[in-house]
């Protein structure tokens, strides 16, 4: 068709894929302003103190409940 060998065709397609991946990295990556000024951590926000401490709750039973069956 254009006199291209399979190696040059593969090289051209590889360059196209690399350009697409590089463009996606720039589009979806962080901007330079985000890199230099990171957001404050979520733990820095004040949390509401609990009004009253809850009473301890008995743990839930684990596994199946086995009961005695009357033997008639």
C-alpha atoms as a PDB file:
ATOM      1  CA  UNK A   1       0.000   0.000   0.000  1.00  0.00           C
ATOM      2  CA  UNK A   2       2.427   2.692   1.211  1.00  0.00           C
ATOM      3  CA  UNK A   3       5.508   0.498   1.112  1.00  0.00           C
ATOM      4  CA  UNK A   4       5.694   0.197   4.922  1.00  0.00           C
ATOM      5  CA  UNK A   5       7.110  -2.952   6.484  1.00  0.00           C
ATOM      6  CA  UNK A   6       5.444  -4.597   9.470  1.00  0.00           C
ATOM      7  CA  UNK A   7       8.160  -3.217  11.785  1.00  0.00           C
ATOM      8  CA  UNK A   8       7.592   0.378  10.779  1.00  0.00           C
ATOM      9  CA  UNK A   9       3.810  -0.105  11.011  1.00  0.00           C
ATOM     10  CA  UNK A  10       4.210  -1.490  14.532  1.00  0.00           C
ATOM     11  CA  UNK A  11       6.506   1.384  15.439  1.00  0.00           C
ATOM     12  CA  UNK A  12       4.008   3.924  14.156  1.00  0.00           C
ATOM     13  CA  UNK A  13       1.116   2.295  16.055  1.00  0.00           C
ATOM     14  CA  UNK A  14       3.273   2.116  19.196  1.00  0.00           C
ATOM     15  CA  UNK A  15       4.001   5.836  18.927  1.00  0.00           C
ATOM     16  CA  UNK A  16       0.292   6.593  18.528  1.00  0.00           C
ATOM     17  CA  UNK A  17      -0.576   4.511  21.613  1.00  0.00           C
ATOM     18  CA  UNK A  18       2.231   6.164  23.599  1.00  0.00           C
ATOM     19  CA  UNK A  19       0.962   9.617  22.618  1.00  0.00           C
ATOM     20  CA  UNK A  20      -2.573   8.717  23.729  1.00  0.00           C
ATOM     21  CA  UNK A  21      -1.334   7.376  27.087  1.00  0.00           C
ATOM     22  CA  UNK A  22       0.811  10.471  27.642  1.00  0.00           C
ATOM     23  CA  UNK A  23      -2.121  12.762  26.844  1.00  0.00           C
ATOM     24  CA  UNK A  24      -4.354  10.843  29.267  1.00  0.00           C
ATOM     25  CA  UNK A  25      -1.698  11.168  31.983  1.00  0.00           C
ATOM     26  CA  UNK A  26      -1.626  14.937  31.544  1.00  0.00           C
ATOM     27  CA  UNK A  27      -5.424  15.247  31.423  1.00  0.00           C
ATOM     28  CA  UNK A  28      -6.248  13.011  34.408  1.00  0.00           C
ATOM     29  CA  UNK A  29      -3.115  13.656  36.490  1.00  0.00           C
ATOM     30  CA  UNK A  30      -2.816  16.232  39.262  1.00  0.00           C
ATOM     31  CA  UNK A  31      -2.151  19.810  38.273  1.00  0.00           C
ATOM     32  CA  UNK A  32       1.109  21.467  39.407  1.00  0.00           C
ATOM     33  CA  UNK A  33      -0.792  23.677  41.850  1.00  0.00           C
ATOM     34  CA  UNK A  34      -2.167  20.552  43.558  1.00  0.00           C
ATOM     35  CA  UNK A  35       1.346  19.140  43.872  1.00  0.00           C
ATOM     36  CA  UNK A  36       2.747  22.271  45.548  1.00  0.00           C
ATOM     37  CA  UNK A  37      -0.295  23.011  47.767  1.00  0.00           C
ATOM     38  CA  UNK A  38      -1.674  19.696  49.051  1.00  0.00           C
ATOM     39  CA  UNK A  39      -5.124  19.628  50.622  1.00  0.00           C
ATOM     40  CA  UNK A  40      -5.224  19.583  54.432  1.00  0.00           C
ATOM     41  CA  UNK A  41      -5.678  16.098  55.887  1.00  0.00           C
ATOM     42  CA  UNK A  42      -9.195  15.033  56.812  1.00  0.00           C
ATOM     43  CA  UNK A  43      -8.181  14.511  60.458  1.00  0.00           C
ATOM     44  CA  UNK A  44      -7.584  18.269  60.839  1.00  0.00           C
ATOM     45  CA  UNK A  45     -11.322  18.934  60.817  1.00  0.00           C
ATOM     46  CA  UNK A  46     -12.846  19.211  64.307  1.00  0.00           C
ATOM     47  CA  UNK A  47     -14.980  16.283  65.334  1.00  0.00           C
ATOM     48  CA  UNK A  48     -18.020  16.480  67.573  1.00  0.00           C
ATOM     49  CA  UNK A  49     -17.436  15.025  71.024  1.00  0.00           C
ATOM     50  CA  UNK A  50     -19.871  12.282  72.099  1.00  0.00           C
ATOM     51  CA  UNK A  51     -22.476  13.647  74.508  1.00  0.00           C
ATOM     52  CA  UNK A  52     -22.648  10.564  76.723  1.00  0.00           C
ATOM     53  CA  UNK A  53     -20.693   7.360  76.662  1.00  0.00           C
ATOM     54  CA  UNK A  54     -22.781   4.365  75.627  1.00  0.00           C
ATOM     55  CA  UNK A  55     -23.086   1.385  77.940  1.00  0.00           C
ATOM     56  CA  UNK A  56     -21.150  -1.698  76.803  1.00  0.00           C
ATOM     57  CA  UNK A  57     -23.246  -4.113  74.802  1.00  0.00           C
ATOM     58  CA  UNK A  58     -23.018  -7.883  75.176  1.00  0.00           C
ATOM     59  CA  UNK A  59     -21.334  -9.480  72.171  1.00  0.00           C
ATOM     60  CA  UNK A  60     -23.535 -11.210  69.641  1.00  0.00           C
ATOM     61  CA  UNK A  61     -23.533 -15.019  69.809  1.00  0.00           C
ATOM     62  CA  UNK A  62     -21.140 -16.623  67.381  1.00  0.00           C
ATOM     63  CA  UNK A  63     -22.045 -19.633  65.292  1.00  0.00           C
ATOM     64  CA  UNK A  64     -25.224 -21.673  65.426  1.00  0.00           C
ATOM     65  CA  UNK A  65     -27.202 -21.893  68.648  1.00  0.00           C
ATOM     66  CA  UNK A  66     -27.253 -25.491  69.866  1.00  0.00           C
ATOM     67  CA  UNK A  67     -30.113 -26.396  72.177  1.00  0.00           C
ATOM     68  CA  UNK A  68     -30.891 -29.601  73.963  1.00  0.00           C
ATOM     69  CA  UNK A  69     -33.590 -31.635  72.237  1.00  0.00           C
ATOM     70  CA  UNK A  70     -35.857 -33.817  74.408  1.00  0.00           C
ATOM     71  CA  UNK A  71     -35.216 -37.502  73.730  1.00  0.00           C
ATOM     72  CA  UNK A  72     -38.616 -39.269  73.623  1.00  0.00           C
END
